[in-house]
Amino acid sequence: MVDFGLDIFGYLGMDEWGLVPQVRHGNVYVLKEEDKNSIIGLAILMRDWEDLDKAYLFDYAISEELQGQGLGYYFLKAIIRNLKEQGTRIKKMGLTVDTEINLT
């Protein structure tokens, strides 16, 4: 998971020191191809400290070679469905983004 995040987000990706508490106390979702060991998607959710009905989605990504096929949309829908199945209070989700990234 760490390597996938660092490949996508560079030094801004979650390292092993940040990922462990997220796995223990947050919601970490990993998308893998059936019968394969490689990660193709990652999402980390963290609850808002002041608004327990809200969570922030960060380190959300689909591997570059699979982008543009709708996987991100279906991955997000699966995450929301899973949150409902868990019975969480989360009713709102914010997305954190880096507006300074140069994609050219």
C-alpha atoms as a PDB file:
ATOM      1  CA  MET A   1       0.000   0.000   0.000  1.00  0.00           C
ATOM      2  CA  VAL A   2       2.807   2.394   0.851  1.00  0.00           C
ATOM      3  CA  ASP A   3       4.564   1.797  -2.483  1.00  0.00           C
ATOM      4  CA  PHE A   4       1.316   2.317  -4.413  1.00  0.00           C
ATOM      5  CA  GLY A   5       0.642   5.621  -2.630  1.00  0.00           C
ATOM      6  CA  LEU A   6       4.188   6.843  -3.108  1.00  0.00           C
ATOM      7  CA  ASP A   7       4.108   5.883  -6.808  1.00  0.00           C
ATOM      8  CA  ILE A   8       0.918   7.922  -7.309  1.00  0.00           C
ATOM      9  CA  PHE A   9       1.476  10.847  -4.915  1.00  0.00           C
ATOM     10  CA  GLY A  10       5.256  10.973  -4.644  1.00  0.00           C
ATOM     11  CA  TYR A  11       6.609  12.274  -1.342  1.00  0.00           C
ATOM     12  CA  LEU A  12       3.067  13.457  -0.453  1.00  0.00           C
ATOM     13  CA  GLY A  13       1.864   9.839  -0.313  1.00  0.00           C
ATOM     14  CA  MET A  14       1.230   8.052   2.964  1.00  0.00           C
ATOM     15  CA  ASP A  15       4.376   6.419   4.347  1.00  0.00           C
ATOM     16  CA  GLU A  16       4.455   3.404   6.678  1.00  0.00           C
ATOM     17  CA  TRP A  17       4.413   5.662   9.757  1.00  0.00           C
ATOM     18  CA  GLY A  18       1.217   7.378   8.672  1.00  0.00           C
ATOM     19  CA  LEU A  19      -0.467   4.322   7.218  1.00  0.00           C
ATOM     20  CA  VAL A  20      -0.437   2.186  10.384  1.00  0.00           C
ATOM     21  CA  PRO A  21      -2.675   4.529  12.431  1.00  0.00           C
ATOM     22  CA  GLN A  22      -4.963   4.934   9.409  1.00  0.00           C
ATOM     23  CA  VAL A  23      -5.430   1.178   9.167  1.00  0.00           C
ATOM     24  CA  ARG A  24      -6.067   0.924  12.908  1.00  0.00           C
ATOM     25  CA  HIS A  25      -8.292   3.974  13.388  1.00  0.00           C
ATOM     26  CA  GLY A  26      -9.497   5.085   9.992  1.00  0.00           C
ATOM     27  CA  ASN A  27     -10.992   3.370   7.024  1.00  0.00           C
ATOM     28  CA  VAL A  28      -8.485   2.171   4.448  1.00  0.00           C
ATOM     29  CA  TYR A  29      -9.796   0.629   1.238  1.00  0.00           C
ATOM     30  CA  VAL A  30      -7.658  -1.264  -1.246  1.00  0.00           C
ATOM     31  CA  LEU A  31      -8.792  -2.214  -4.738  1.00  0.00           C
ATOM     32  CA  LYS A  32      -7.116  -5.265  -6.271  1.00  0.00           C
ATOM     33  CA  GLU A  33      -7.717  -7.232  -9.429  1.00  0.00           C
ATOM     34  CA  GLU A  34      -9.293 -10.607  -8.807  1.00  0.00           C
ATOM     35  CA  ASP A  35      -6.673 -13.379  -8.501  1.00  0.00           C
ATOM     36  CA  LYS A  36      -3.811 -10.854  -8.597  1.00  0.00           C
ATOM     37  CA  ASN A  37      -1.671  -9.492  -5.812  1.00  0.00           C
ATOM     38  CA  SER A  38      -1.092  -5.963  -7.141  1.00  0.00           C
ATOM     39  CA  ILE A  39      -3.017  -2.966  -5.842  1.00  0.00           C
ATOM     40  CA  ILE A  40      -4.883  -0.940  -8.463  1.00  0.00           C
ATOM     41  CA  GLY A  41      -6.694   1.497  -6.173  1.00  0.00           C
ATOM     42  CA  LEU A  42      -6.376   3.040  -2.730  1.00  0.00           C
ATOM     43  CA  ALA A  43      -8.615   5.213  -0.583  1.00  0.00           C
ATOM     44  CA  ILE A  44      -8.152   6.474   2.964  1.00  0.00           C
ATOM     45  CA  LEU A  45     -10.996   8.030   4.933  1.00  0.00           C
ATOM     46  CA  MET A  46     -10.641  10.000   8.154  1.00  0.00           C
ATOM     47  CA  ARG A  47     -13.501  11.227  10.321  1.00  0.00           C
ATOM     48  CA  ASP A  48     -13.833  14.927  10.987  1.00  0.00           C
ATOM     49  CA  TRP A  49     -12.940  15.761  14.596  1.00  0.00           C
ATOM     50  CA  GLU A  50     -15.822  18.194  15.057  1.00  0.00           C
ATOM     51  CA  ASP A  51     -18.514  16.773  12.768  1.00  0.00           C
ATOM     52  CA  LEU A  52     -18.882  13.022  13.315  1.00  0.00           C
ATOM     53  CA  ASP A  53     -21.233  12.799  10.316  1.00  0.00           C
ATOM     54  CA  LYS A  54     -18.397  13.879   8.015  1.00  0.00           C
ATOM     55  CA  ALA A  55     -15.282  12.129   6.718  1.00  0.00           C
ATOM     56  CA  TYR A  56     -12.441  13.300   4.506  1.00  0.00           C
ATOM     57  CA  LEU A  57     -11.290  11.207   1.584  1.00  0.00           C
ATOM     58  CA  PHE A  58      -7.598  11.515   0.855  1.00  0.00           C
ATOM     59  CA  ASP A  59      -4.944   9.434  -0.870  1.00  0.00           C
ATOM     60  CA  TYR A  60      -7.686   8.372  -3.281  1.00  0.00           C
ATOM     61  CA  ALA A  61      -6.264   6.989  -6.510  1.00  0.00           C
ATOM     62  CA  ILE A  62      -6.517   4.443  -9.280  1.00  0.00           C
ATOM     63  CA  SER A  63      -3.281   3.229 -10.888  1.00  0.00           C
ATOM     64  CA  GLU A  64      -2.331   5.390 -13.837  1.00  0.00           C
ATOM     65  CA  GLU A  65      -2.578   2.651 -16.455  1.00  0.00           C
ATOM     66  CA  LEU A  66      -6.206   1.930 -15.486  1.00  0.00           C
ATOM     67  CA  GLN A  67      -7.460   5.507 -15.195  1.00  0.00           C
ATOM     68  CA  GLY A  68     -10.214   6.704 -17.517  1.00  0.00           C
ATOM     69  CA  GLN A  69     -12.191   3.446 -17.381  1.00  0.00           C
ATOM     70  CA  GLY A  70     -14.663   4.381 -14.641  1.00  0.00           C
ATOM     71  CA  LEU A  71     -12.920   2.374 -11.913  1.00  0.00           C
ATOM     72  CA  GLY A  72     -12.646   5.410  -9.633  1.00  0.00           C
ATOM     73  CA  TYR A  73     -16.407   5.966  -9.841  1.00  0.00           C
ATOM     74  CA  TYR A  74     -17.242   2.336  -9.030  1.00  0.00           C
ATOM     75  CA  PHE A  75     -14.577   2.190  -6.301  1.00  0.00           C
ATOM     76  CA  LEU A  76     -16.120   5.235  -4.603  1.00  0.00           C
ATOM     77  CA  LYS A  77     -19.618   3.737  -4.890  1.00  0.00           C
ATOM     78  CA  ALA A  78     -18.357   0.511  -3.277  1.00  0.00           C
ATOM     79  CA  ILE A  79     -16.768   2.504  -0.436  1.00  0.00           C
ATOM     80  CA  ILE A  80     -20.015   4.382   0.225  1.00  0.00           C
ATOM     81  CA  ARG A  81     -21.987   1.137   0.137  1.00  0.00           C
ATOM     82  CA  ASN A  82     -19.542  -0.430   2.614  1.00  0.00           C
ATOM     83  CA  LEU A  83     -19.840   2.547   4.976  1.00  0.00           C
ATOM     84  CA  LYS A  84     -23.624   2.142   4.952  1.00  0.00           C
ATOM     85  CA  GLU A  85     -23.308  -1.596   5.614  1.00  0.00           C
ATOM     86  CA  GLN A  86     -21.031  -0.832   8.581  1.00  0.00           C
ATOM     87  CA  GLY A  87     -23.761   1.411   9.976  1.00  0.00           C
ATOM     88  CA  THR A  88     -21.476   4.428  10.216  1.00  0.00           C
ATOM     89  CA  ARG A  89     -22.855   7.892  10.869  1.00  0.00           C
ATOM     90  CA  ILE A  90     -20.986   9.306   7.872  1.00  0.00           C
ATOM     91  CA  LYS A  91     -23.411  11.325   5.767  1.00  0.00           C
ATOM     92  CA  LYS A  92     -20.970  13.809   4.206  1.00  0.00           C
ATOM     93  CA  MET A  93     -17.615  13.348   2.564  1.00  0.00           C
ATOM     94  CA  GLY A  94     -14.993  15.930   1.705  1.00  0.00           C
ATOM     95  CA  LEU A  95     -12.214  15.341  -0.785  1.00  0.00           C
ATOM     96  CA  THR A  96      -8.767  16.704  -0.078  1.00  0.00           C
ATOM     97  CA  VAL A  97      -6.782  17.747  -3.131  1.00  0.00           C
ATOM     98  CA  ASP A  98      -3.478  19.403  -3.903  1.00  0.00           C
ATOM     99  CA  THR A  99      -4.145  22.351  -6.184  1.00  0.00           C
ATOM    100  CA  GLU A 100      -0.420  22.940  -6.744  1.00  0.00           C
ATOM    101  CA  ILE A 101       0.324  19.721  -8.649  1.00  0.00           C
ATOM    102  CA  ASN A 102       1.518  20.348 -12.192  1.00  0.00           C
ATOM    103  CA  LEU A 103       0.220  17.624 -14.503  1.00  0.00           C
ATOM    104  CA  THR A 104       2.202  18.686 -17.573  1.00  0.00           C
END
